Amino acid sequence: MKNKYINIFAKLSLTVVVATLFSCKEKNGLAPEYMPDMYRSPSIEPYVDYGEVRDKQHPEMKDVMTARVPVNGTIPRGFTPYAYENNAEGYEKAGISLKNPIAYSESIVKEGEALYGMFCVQCHGATGQGDGILVEREKFPPLPVKFNPGLAISEGKMFHSITYGKGLMGSHASQLNKEERWKIIQYIRTKFMNESQTPTVQDTTSQEIVATQK
């Protein structure tokens, strides 16, 4: 008798479960989901308009983004703006005012040589005569600047040119930080232009100069 009631109860339970699964459906024929946000969480992207989420209109979220655009004039922490504009006047001012803040040392020249080999030698050549492999293959016309002793170009103008680009040379500011640019300049002026191997700027002055550079 006891087993008979157990069998009846089991059959009734199975009937309830089956009826629940197949009778409770939404308009589209699918069974309702419990906590769908946990099961299928939406992908959130920055700077995206979420006025529509999962095909549902949310007017209150119109033009709401997951990340806000910084206010005008905002700069990243640790970044100092470059004080000279990308024009002829800025080029001349940089030539007068900018001095290399990195004192001479053999290790700095070595670092500059390695950077020159990565970013400059293809056009300027191994000896700075503007006869790099891209020029030899006629990808670029012969370069007018040859890094010889007595070349009348200041280190400030060189820094400005690397920062913004000049002529056919594009800007290298995104590839070389300000210290790397100065190291390349120190290598060029020491090895190709035969400048005196002495510190160019005292440490107290270098702090002020670095604060004006990009």
Protein backbone atom coordinates (compact mmCIF):
# COMPACT_ATOMS: atom_id res chain seq x y z
CA MET A 1 0.00 0.00 0.00
CA LYS A 2 2.82 2.36 0.89
CA ASN A 3 4.60 1.79 -2.42
CA LYS A 4 1.33 2.48 -4.23
CA TYR A 5 1.09 6.00 -2.70
CA ILE A 6 4.75 6.66 -3.46
CA ASN A 7 4.23 5.79 -7.12
CA ILE A 8 1.18 8.02 -7.33
CA PHE A 9 3.04 10.92 -5.73
CA ALA A 10 5.99 10.47 -8.10
CA LYS A 11 3.69 10.48 -11.14
CA LEU A 12 1.92 13.60 -9.94
CA SER A 13 5.25 15.38 -9.35
CA LEU A 14 6.44 14.46 -12.82
CA THR A 15 3.16 15.71 -14.30
CA VAL A 16 3.52 19.07 -12.51
CA VAL A 17 7.12 19.52 -13.68
CA VAL A 18 6.25 18.69 -17.30
CA ALA A 19 3.21 20.98 -17.24
CA THR A 20 5.31 23.80 -15.81
CA LEU A 21 7.99 23.47 -18.48
CA PHE A 22 5.64 23.31 -21.45
CA SER A 23 2.70 25.47 -20.42
CA CYS A 24 4.43 28.68 -19.23
CA LYS A 25 5.67 30.39 -22.37
CA GLU A 26 6.08 33.98 -23.45
CA LYS A 27 4.48 35.43 -26.58
CA ASN A 28 7.43 34.38 -28.74
CA GLY A 29 7.05 30.77 -27.67
CA LEU A 30 10.08 30.68 -25.38
CA ALA A 31 10.02 29.77 -21.75
CA PRO A 32 10.65 32.71 -19.38
CA GLU A 33 14.16 33.15 -18.05
CA TYR A 34 14.95 33.57 -14.40
CA MET A 35 17.36 36.50 -13.86
CA PRO A 36 18.36 36.89 -17.55
CA ASP A 37 20.92 39.58 -16.68
CA MET A 38 22.90 36.96 -14.80
CA TYR A 39 22.56 34.40 -17.60
CA ARG A 40 23.15 36.69 -20.59
CA SER A 41 24.86 39.86 -19.40
CA PRO A 42 25.10 42.64 -22.04
CA SER A 43 28.48 43.61 -23.42
CA ILE A 44 29.37 47.18 -22.45
CA GLU A 45 31.71 49.25 -24.60
CA PRO A 46 33.17 52.70 -23.86
CA TYR A 47 31.88 55.79 -25.65
CA VAL A 48 28.72 54.01 -26.89
CA ASP A 49 25.17 55.37 -26.82
CA TYR A 50 23.12 53.03 -24.63
CA GLY A 51 19.75 54.58 -25.43
CA GLU A 52 18.90 51.12 -26.75
CA VAL A 53 19.75 48.07 -24.68
CA ARG A 54 18.52 44.62 -25.75
CA ASP A 55 16.14 46.13 -28.31
CA LYS A 56 14.36 48.05 -25.58
CA GLN A 57 14.09 51.82 -25.65
CA HIS A 58 15.53 53.70 -22.71
CA PRO A 59 15.03 57.43 -23.36
CA GLU A 60 16.57 58.35 -20.02
CA MET A 61 19.82 56.73 -21.15
CA LYS A 62 20.02 58.61 -24.45
CA ASP A 63 23.57 59.89 -25.01
CA VAL A 64 24.74 58.19 -21.79
CA MET A 65 28.17 56.61 -22.24
CA THR A 66 30.09 54.22 -20.06
CA ALA A 67 33.12 56.54 -20.15
CA ARG A 68 32.94 60.29 -20.40
CA VAL A 69 35.08 62.40 -22.72
CA PRO A 70 37.59 64.51 -20.72
CA VAL A 71 36.90 68.22 -20.51
CA ASN A 72 38.78 70.52 -22.88
CA GLY A 73 42.33 71.19 -21.78
CA THR A 74 42.68 67.95 -19.82
CA ILE A 75 46.11 66.30 -20.06
CA PRO A 76 47.30 62.89 -18.80
CA ARG A 77 49.08 62.75 -15.47
CA GLY A 78 52.83 63.14 -15.93
CA PHE A 79 52.45 64.77 -19.37
CA THR A 80 53.69 68.29 -20.03
CA PRO A 81 52.54 70.10 -23.19
CA TYR A 82 55.07 71.13 -25.79
CA ALA A 83 55.36 74.92 -25.70
CA TYR A 84 56.16 75.49 -29.39
CA GLU A 85 53.60 75.40 -32.19
CA ASN A 86 53.99 73.45 -35.39
CA ASN A 87 54.81 76.39 -37.65
CA ALA A 88 57.81 78.40 -38.84
CA GLU A 89 57.66 80.72 -35.82
CA GLY A 90 57.58 77.79 -33.40
CA TYR A 91 60.51 76.19 -35.24
CA GLU A 92 62.63 79.32 -34.85
CA LYS A 93 61.67 79.79 -31.20
CA ALA A 94 62.54 76.18 -30.41
CA GLY A 95 65.89 76.66 -32.11
CA ILE A 96 66.69 79.58 -29.83
CA SER A 97 65.26 78.36 -26.54
CA LEU A 98 65.53 74.58 -26.43
CA LYS A 99 68.72 72.97 -25.16
CA ASN A 100 69.45 69.33 -24.52
CA PRO A 101 68.68 68.66 -20.84
CA ILE A 102 70.62 65.37 -20.84
CA ALA A 103 74.30 65.76 -19.95
CA TYR A 104 76.81 64.00 -22.16
CA SER A 105 77.94 60.49 -21.31
CA GLU A 106 79.15 57.54 -23.34
CA SER A 107 76.20 55.45 -22.18
CA ILE A 108 73.74 58.10 -23.41
CA VAL A 109 75.49 58.21 -26.78
CA LYS A 110 75.27 54.41 -26.98
CA GLU A 111 71.55 54.57 -26.29
CA GLY A 112 71.18 57.29 -28.91
CA GLU A 113 73.07 55.16 -31.42
CA ALA A 114 70.70 52.23 -30.85
CA LEU A 115 67.66 54.48 -31.26
CA TYR A 116 69.14 56.08 -34.38
CA GLY A 117 69.59 52.59 -35.85
CA MET A 118 65.94 51.80 -35.24
CA PHE A 119 64.28 55.04 -36.33
CA CYS A 120 66.66 57.16 -38.43
CA VAL A 121 69.24 55.13 -40.31
CA GLN A 122 66.78 54.00 -42.99
CA CYS A 123 66.71 57.53 -44.43
CA HIS A 124 69.64 59.44 -42.91
CA GLY A 125 72.13 56.63 -43.44
CA ALA A 126 74.73 55.02 -41.18
CA THR A 127 76.97 58.13 -41.32
CA GLY A 128 74.21 60.75 -41.34
CA GLN A 129 74.73 61.73 -45.00
CA GLY A 130 71.13 61.21 -46.07
CA ASP A 131 71.92 58.07 -48.04
CA GLY A 132 69.92 55.44 -46.17
CA ILE A 133 68.50 52.34 -47.80
CA LEU A 134 65.14 54.00 -48.54
CA VAL A 135 66.95 56.77 -50.39
CA GLU A 136 69.11 54.26 -52.27
CA ARG A 137 65.99 52.42 -53.37
CA GLU A 138 64.48 55.75 -54.48
CA LYS A 139 61.60 55.50 -52.04
CA PHE A 140 62.58 59.03 -50.96
CA PRO A 141 64.54 61.71 -52.81
CA PRO A 142 68.07 62.50 -51.56
CA LEU A 143 67.86 64.21 -48.19
CA PRO A 144 69.00 67.85 -48.14
CA VAL A 145 70.36 67.63 -44.58
CA LYS A 146 73.75 66.03 -44.08
CA PHE A 147 75.00 65.81 -40.50
CA ASN A 148 78.50 67.22 -41.01
CA PRO A 149 80.66 69.40 -38.74
CA GLY A 150 79.60 73.00 -39.07
CA LEU A 151 76.00 72.21 -40.02
CA ALA A 152 74.02 75.29 -39.03
CA ILE A 153 71.13 73.67 -37.21
CA SER A 154 70.56 73.96 -33.47
CA GLU A 155 69.60 71.06 -31.26
CA GLY A 156 66.31 72.83 -30.48
CA LYS A 157 65.38 72.82 -34.18
CA MET A 158 66.32 69.15 -34.40
CA PHE A 159 64.07 68.34 -31.45
CA HIS A 160 61.24 70.35 -33.00
CA SER A 161 61.65 68.52 -36.32
CA ILE A 162 61.58 65.08 -34.68
CA THR A 163 58.56 66.08 -32.62
CA TYR A 164 56.41 67.44 -35.44
CA GLY A 165 58.16 66.19 -38.54
CA LYS A 166 59.63 68.37 -41.27
CA GLY A 167 59.49 68.08 -45.04
CA LEU A 168 59.00 64.44 -46.00
CA MET A 169 59.87 63.25 -42.49
CA GLY A 170 56.81 62.55 -40.38
CA SER A 171 56.40 63.15 -36.67
CA HIS A 172 58.14 60.69 -34.37
CA ALA A 173 56.52 61.95 -31.17
CA SER A 174 54.35 58.84 -30.91
CA GLN A 175 57.37 56.55 -31.32
CA LEU A 176 60.01 58.36 -29.29
CA ASN A 177 59.49 60.05 -25.94
CA LYS A 178 61.27 63.34 -25.25
CA GLU A 179 64.28 61.68 -23.57
CA GLU A 180 64.78 59.32 -26.51
CA ARG A 181 64.61 62.22 -28.94
CA TRP A 182 67.32 64.06 -27.02
CA LYS A 183 69.48 60.94 -26.89
CA ILE A 184 69.31 60.60 -30.68
CA ILE A 185 70.22 64.27 -31.05
CA GLN A 186 73.17 63.86 -28.70
CA TYR A 187 74.40 60.88 -30.73
CA ILE A 188 74.08 62.75 -34.04
CA ARG A 189 75.83 65.89 -32.80
CA THR A 190 78.61 63.93 -31.08
CA LYS A 191 79.39 61.36 -33.77
CA PHE A 192 78.52 63.15 -37.01
CA MET A 193 78.88 66.83 -36.16
CA ASN A 194 81.93 66.45 -33.89
CA GLU A 195 80.55 68.59 -31.08
CA SER A 196 82.48 68.91 -27.85
CA GLN A 197 81.84 65.97 -25.54
CA THR A 198 80.78 67.99 -22.50
CA PRO A 199 77.52 68.36 -20.60
CA THR A 200 75.28 70.78 -22.47
CA VAL A 201 73.05 71.88 -19.59
CA GLN A 202 73.34 71.86 -15.82
CA ASP A 203 70.91 69.65 -13.89
CA THR A 204 69.04 72.62 -12.40
CA THR A 205 68.32 74.00 -15.86
CA SER A 206 67.31 70.64 -17.31
CA GLN A 207 64.33 70.44 -14.99
CA GLU A 208 62.99 73.69 -16.43
CA ILE A 209 63.60 72.63 -20.03
CA VAL A 210 61.97 69.22 -19.67
CA ALA A 211 58.86 70.91 -18.29
CA THR A 212 58.33 72.69 -21.64
CA GLN A 213 58.63 69.65 -23.86
CA LYS A 214 56.15 67.19 -25.23
